[in-house]
Amino acid sequence: MDSIEKQKETIFESLKKFITEVIGEDVAEELTIEPESVFTRDLEMDSIEIVSFAEKVKATYGDNIDFNGWLSGMDMDQLINLSINDVVNYIVDANNSDK
């Protein structure tokens, strides 16, 4: 496994943990949380939960990324169809653009 794939796997596990914290363990256990999972459709996260998730992402990766800026540049369809993988790829790209 190359370093980018390892980064993606590590970030995905971190984001999965954040999602579980935000929606609750009981709810998370009933869902299949995968990289392709869409926040609003598959995980049924509402706007307050997504904001809470974004705060956790910013607290963890904020020095390297402008997560809120990235989200604010999206149109409504992009936000509605945002997947965990989209966030993982954004974080990896942002972290590797400094190198």
N, C-alpha and C. Protein backbone atom coordinates (compact mmCIF):
# COMPACT_ATOMS: atom_id res chain seq x y z
N MET A 1 0.85 -1.18 0.00
CA MET A 1 0.00 0.00 0.00
C MET A 1 0.90 1.24 0.00
N ASP A 2 0.66 2.15 -0.96
CA ASP A 2 1.50 3.34 -1.00
C ASP A 2 1.08 4.34 0.06
N SER A 3 1.90 5.36 0.22
CA SER A 3 1.66 6.30 1.33
C SER A 3 0.36 7.09 1.18
N ILE A 4 -0.03 7.40 -0.06
CA ILE A 4 -1.30 8.12 -0.27
C ILE A 4 -2.48 7.24 0.14
N GLU A 5 -2.45 5.98 -0.27
CA GLU A 5 -3.54 5.07 0.11
C GLU A 5 -3.58 4.87 1.62
N LYS A 6 -2.43 4.81 2.25
CA LYS A 6 -2.36 4.68 3.71
C LYS A 6 -2.95 5.92 4.37
N GLN A 7 -2.60 7.11 3.84
CA GLN A 7 -3.17 8.37 4.35
C GLN A 7 -4.69 8.34 4.24
N LYS A 8 -5.18 7.93 3.08
CA LYS A 8 -6.63 7.89 2.85
C LYS A 8 -7.32 6.96 3.84
N GLU A 9 -6.72 5.81 4.07
CA GLU A 9 -7.30 4.84 5.00
C GLU A 9 -7.33 5.41 6.42
N THR A 10 -6.24 6.05 6.82
CA THR A 10 -6.16 6.64 8.16
C THR A 10 -7.17 7.77 8.32
N ILE A 11 -7.27 8.63 7.32
CA ILE A 11 -8.22 9.75 7.37
C ILE A 11 -9.65 9.22 7.38
N PHE A 12 -9.95 8.21 6.55
CA PHE A 12 -11.29 7.63 6.54
C PHE A 12 -11.67 7.12 7.93
N GLU A 13 -10.77 6.39 8.58
CA GLU A 13 -11.06 5.86 9.91
C GLU A 13 -11.31 6.99 10.90
N SER A 14 -10.56 8.08 10.77
CA SER A 14 -10.75 9.24 11.63
C SER A 14 -12.12 9.88 11.39
N LEU A 15 -12.49 10.05 10.12
CA LEU A 15 -13.78 10.64 9.77
C LEU A 15 -14.94 9.74 10.21
N LYS A 16 -14.75 8.44 10.07
CA LYS A 16 -15.77 7.48 10.51
C LYS A 16 -16.00 7.62 12.02
N LYS A 17 -14.92 7.81 12.77
CA LYS A 17 -15.02 8.02 14.22
C LYS A 17 -15.79 9.31 14.51
N PHE A 18 -15.48 10.39 13.78
CA PHE A 18 -16.19 11.66 13.98
C PHE A 18 -17.68 11.49 13.70
N ILE A 19 -18.01 10.79 12.62
CA ILE A 19 -19.42 10.58 12.26
C ILE A 19 -20.12 9.82 13.38
N THR A 20 -19.49 8.78 13.89
CA THR A 20 -20.07 8.00 14.98
C THR A 20 -20.29 8.86 16.21
N GLU A 21 -19.34 9.74 16.52
CA GLU A 21 -19.49 10.64 17.67
C GLU A 21 -20.66 11.60 17.46
N VAL A 22 -20.83 12.08 16.24
CA VAL A 22 -21.87 13.07 15.94
C VAL A 22 -23.27 12.44 15.92
N ILE A 23 -23.41 11.31 15.25
CA ILE A 23 -24.76 10.73 15.11
C ILE A 23 -25.10 9.76 16.23
N GLY A 24 -24.11 9.37 17.00
CA GLY A 24 -24.33 8.45 18.11
C GLY A 24 -24.01 7.02 17.71
N GLU A 25 -23.46 6.28 18.65
CA GLU A 25 -23.05 4.90 18.39
C GLU A 25 -24.21 4.01 17.98
N ASP A 26 -25.36 4.20 18.64
CA ASP A 26 -26.53 3.36 18.33
C ASP A 26 -26.95 3.51 16.87
N VAL A 27 -26.98 4.75 16.40
CA VAL A 27 -27.37 5.00 15.01
C VAL A 27 -26.29 4.49 14.07
N ALA A 28 -25.02 4.76 14.39
CA ALA A 28 -23.91 4.35 13.53
C ALA A 28 -23.86 2.84 13.36
N GLU A 29 -24.20 2.11 14.41
CA GLU A 29 -24.18 0.64 14.32
C GLU A 29 -25.19 0.10 13.33
N GLU A 30 -26.25 0.86 13.08
CA GLU A 30 -27.29 0.44 12.14
C GLU A 30 -26.95 0.79 10.69
N LEU A 31 -25.90 1.59 10.50
CA LEU A 31 -25.51 2.05 9.17
C LEU A 31 -24.24 1.35 8.71
N THR A 32 -24.06 1.32 7.41
CA THR A 32 -22.80 0.89 6.83
C THR A 32 -22.07 2.16 6.42
N ILE A 33 -21.02 2.50 7.16
CA ILE A 33 -20.26 3.71 6.87
C ILE A 33 -19.06 3.31 6.03
N GLU A 34 -19.10 3.71 4.76
CA GLU A 34 -18.07 3.39 3.79
C GLU A 34 -17.55 4.67 3.16
N PRO A 35 -16.40 4.61 2.48
CA PRO A 35 -15.88 5.81 1.83
C PRO A 35 -16.88 6.44 0.86
N GLU A 36 -17.69 5.63 0.20
CA GLU A 36 -18.66 6.13 -0.78
C GLU A 36 -19.93 6.67 -0.14
N SER A 37 -20.10 6.52 1.15
CA SER A 37 -21.32 6.96 1.83
C SER A 37 -21.51 8.47 1.68
N VAL A 38 -22.73 8.85 1.31
CA VAL A 38 -23.09 10.26 1.18
C VAL A 38 -23.70 10.70 2.50
N PHE A 39 -23.24 11.85 2.99
CA PHE A 39 -23.65 12.32 4.32
C PHE A 39 -25.16 12.43 4.47
N THR A 40 -25.81 13.08 3.51
CA THR A 40 -27.25 13.34 3.67
C THR A 40 -28.10 12.14 3.30
N ARG A 41 -27.69 11.38 2.30
CA ARG A 41 -28.52 10.25 1.83
C ARG A 41 -28.25 8.98 2.63
N ASP A 42 -27.02 8.51 2.62
CA ASP A 42 -26.70 7.22 3.24
C ASP A 42 -26.61 7.30 4.76
N LEU A 43 -26.08 8.40 5.26
CA LEU A 43 -25.88 8.54 6.71
C LEU A 43 -27.01 9.33 7.36
N GLU A 44 -27.88 9.92 6.53
CA GLU A 44 -29.04 10.68 7.00
C GLU A 44 -28.66 11.76 8.00
N MET A 45 -27.52 12.41 7.76
CA MET A 45 -27.08 13.49 8.65
C MET A 45 -27.80 14.77 8.28
N ASP A 46 -28.27 15.50 9.29
CA ASP A 46 -28.91 16.79 9.04
C ASP A 46 -27.85 17.89 9.09
N SER A 47 -28.27 19.12 8.84
CA SER A 47 -27.32 20.22 8.75
C SER A 47 -26.57 20.46 10.06
N ILE A 48 -27.24 20.31 11.18
CA ILE A 48 -26.58 20.51 12.48
C ILE A 48 -25.51 19.45 12.70
N GLU A 49 -25.81 18.21 12.32
CA GLU A 49 -24.82 17.14 12.46
C GLU A 49 -23.64 17.35 11.53
N ILE A 50 -23.90 17.85 10.33
CA ILE A 50 -22.82 18.11 9.38
C ILE A 50 -21.93 19.24 9.90
N VAL A 51 -22.52 20.26 10.49
CA VAL A 51 -21.73 21.35 11.08
C VAL A 51 -20.87 20.82 12.22
N SER A 52 -21.43 19.98 13.05
CA SER A 52 -20.67 19.38 14.15
C SER A 52 -19.52 18.53 13.61
N PHE A 53 -19.79 17.76 12.57
CA PHE A 53 -18.76 16.96 11.91
C PHE A 53 -17.66 17.88 11.36
N ALA A 54 -18.06 18.96 10.69
CA ALA A 54 -17.10 19.91 10.12
C ALA A 54 -16.21 20.52 11.20
N GLU A 55 -16.77 20.79 12.36
CA GLU A 55 -15.97 21.33 13.47
C GLU A 55 -14.92 20.33 13.93
N LYS A 56 -15.27 19.05 13.96
CA LYS A 56 -14.31 18.01 14.35
C LYS A 56 -13.20 17.89 13.30
N VAL A 57 -13.58 17.97 12.03
CA VAL A 57 -12.58 17.92 10.96
C VAL A 57 -11.64 19.11 11.07
N LYS A 58 -12.21 20.28 11.28
CA LYS A 58 -11.39 21.49 11.40
C LYS A 58 -10.47 21.42 12.61
N ALA A 59 -10.96 20.91 13.73
CA ALA A 59 -10.14 20.79 14.94
C ALA A 59 -8.97 19.84 14.73
N THR A 60 -9.17 18.82 13.92
CA THR A 60 -8.12 17.83 13.69
C THR A 60 -7.19 18.22 12.55
N TYR A 61 -7.73 18.72 11.46
CA TYR A 61 -6.95 18.98 10.25
C TYR A 61 -6.87 20.46 9.89
N GLY A 62 -7.37 21.33 10.75
CA GLY A 62 -7.51 22.74 10.44
C GLY A 62 -6.25 23.49 10.07
N ASP A 63 -5.11 23.07 10.59
CA ASP A 63 -3.87 23.76 10.26
C ASP A 63 -3.48 23.57 8.80
N ASN A 64 -3.92 22.48 8.21
CA ASN A 64 -3.51 22.16 6.85
C ASN A 64 -4.59 22.43 5.80
N ILE A 65 -5.82 22.64 6.24
CA ILE A 65 -6.92 22.76 5.28
C ILE A 65 -7.83 23.94 5.62
N ASP A 66 -8.57 24.37 4.60
CA ASP A 66 -9.63 25.36 4.80
C ASP A 66 -10.95 24.65 4.50
N PHE A 67 -11.36 23.78 5.42
CA PHE A 67 -12.53 22.94 5.21
C PHE A 67 -13.79 23.77 4.98
N ASN A 68 -14.00 24.79 5.81
CA ASN A 68 -15.20 25.63 5.65
C ASN A 68 -15.17 26.38 4.32
N GLY A 69 -14.00 26.86 3.93
CA GLY A 69 -13.86 27.54 2.64
C GLY A 69 -14.16 26.61 1.48
N TRP A 70 -13.67 25.37 1.59
CA TRP A 70 -13.92 24.36 0.56
C TRP A 70 -15.41 24.08 0.44
N LEU A 71 -16.08 23.90 1.58
CA LEU A 71 -17.52 23.64 1.56
C LEU A 71 -18.30 24.82 1.01
N SER A 72 -17.89 26.04 1.38
CA SER A 72 -18.64 27.22 0.95
C SER A 72 -18.53 27.45 -0.56
N GLY A 73 -17.54 26.85 -1.20
CA GLY A 73 -17.39 26.98 -2.64
C GLY A 73 -18.25 26.01 -3.43
N MET A 74 -19.01 25.17 -2.74
CA MET A 74 -19.85 24.17 -3.40
C MET A 74 -21.27 24.68 -3.61
N ASP A 75 -21.89 24.18 -4.68
CA ASP A 75 -23.30 24.50 -4.87
C ASP A 75 -24.15 23.48 -4.11
N MET A 76 -25.44 23.68 -4.10
CA MET A 76 -26.34 22.85 -3.29
C MET A 76 -26.26 21.37 -3.68
N ASP A 77 -26.22 21.08 -4.99
CA ASP A 77 -26.14 19.68 -5.43
C ASP A 77 -24.85 19.01 -4.94
N GLN A 78 -23.75 19.73 -4.99
CA GLN A 78 -22.48 19.18 -4.52
C GLN A 78 -22.54 18.89 -3.02
N LEU A 79 -23.13 19.80 -2.27
CA LEU A 79 -23.25 19.59 -0.82
C LEU A 79 -24.16 18.40 -0.50
N ILE A 80 -25.27 18.30 -1.20
CA ILE A 80 -26.21 17.21 -0.95
C ILE A 80 -25.58 15.86 -1.28
N ASN A 81 -24.71 15.82 -2.28
CA ASN A 81 -24.09 14.57 -2.73
C ASN A 81 -22.68 14.37 -2.19
N LEU A 82 -22.29 15.15 -1.20
CA LEU A 82 -20.94 15.06 -0.63
C LEU A 82 -20.75 13.71 0.07
N SER A 83 -19.68 13.02 -0.31
CA SER A 83 -19.39 11.71 0.29
C SER A 83 -18.19 11.81 1.22
N ILE A 84 -18.03 10.79 2.03
CA ILE A 84 -16.86 10.72 2.91
C ILE A 84 -15.60 10.74 2.06
N ASN A 85 -15.63 10.03 0.94
CA ASN A 85 -14.47 9.97 0.05
C ASN A 85 -14.09 11.35 -0.46
N ASP A 86 -15.08 12.21 -0.75
CA ASP A 86 -14.79 13.58 -1.19
C ASP A 86 -13.98 14.31 -0.13
N VAL A 87 -14.36 14.16 1.13
CA VAL A 87 -13.66 14.82 2.23
C VAL A 87 -12.27 14.23 2.40
N VAL A 88 -12.16 12.91 2.33
CA VAL A 88 -10.85 12.25 2.43
C VAL A 88 -9.92 12.78 1.35
N ASN A 89 -10.38 12.80 0.10
CA ASN A 89 -9.54 13.27 -1.00
C ASN A 89 -9.15 14.72 -0.84
N TYR A 90 -10.07 15.56 -0.37
CA TYR A 90 -9.74 16.97 -0.13
C TYR A 90 -8.63 17.09 0.91
N ILE A 91 -8.74 16.37 2.01
CA ILE A 91 -7.74 16.45 3.08
C ILE A 91 -6.39 15.96 2.58
N VAL A 92 -6.37 14.83 1.86
CA VAL A 92 -5.11 14.29 1.33
C VAL A 92 -4.49 15.29 0.36
N ASP A 93 -5.29 15.83 -0.57
CA ASP A 93 -4.77 16.79 -1.54
C ASP A 93 -4.22 18.04 -0.84
N ALA A 94 -4.95 18.54 0.15
CA ALA A 94 -4.50 19.73 0.87
C ALA A 94 -3.21 19.46 1.64
N ASN A 95 -3.11 18.31 2.26
CA ASN A 95 -1.90 17.97 3.01
C ASN A 95 -0.70 17.77 2.11
N ASN A 96 -0.92 17.24 0.91
CA ASN A 96 0.19 16.96 0.00
C ASN A 96 0.55 18.14 -0.89
N SER A 97 -0.31 19.16 -0.95
CA SER A 97 0.00 20.33 -1.78
C SER A 97 1.10 21.18 -1.16
N ASP A 98 1.33 21.03 0.15
CA ASP A 98 2.39 21.78 0.83
C ASP A 98 3.76 21.19 0.58
N LYS A 99 3.81 19.97 0.09
CA LYS A 99 5.08 19.25 -0.02
C LYS A 99 5.70 19.39 -1.37
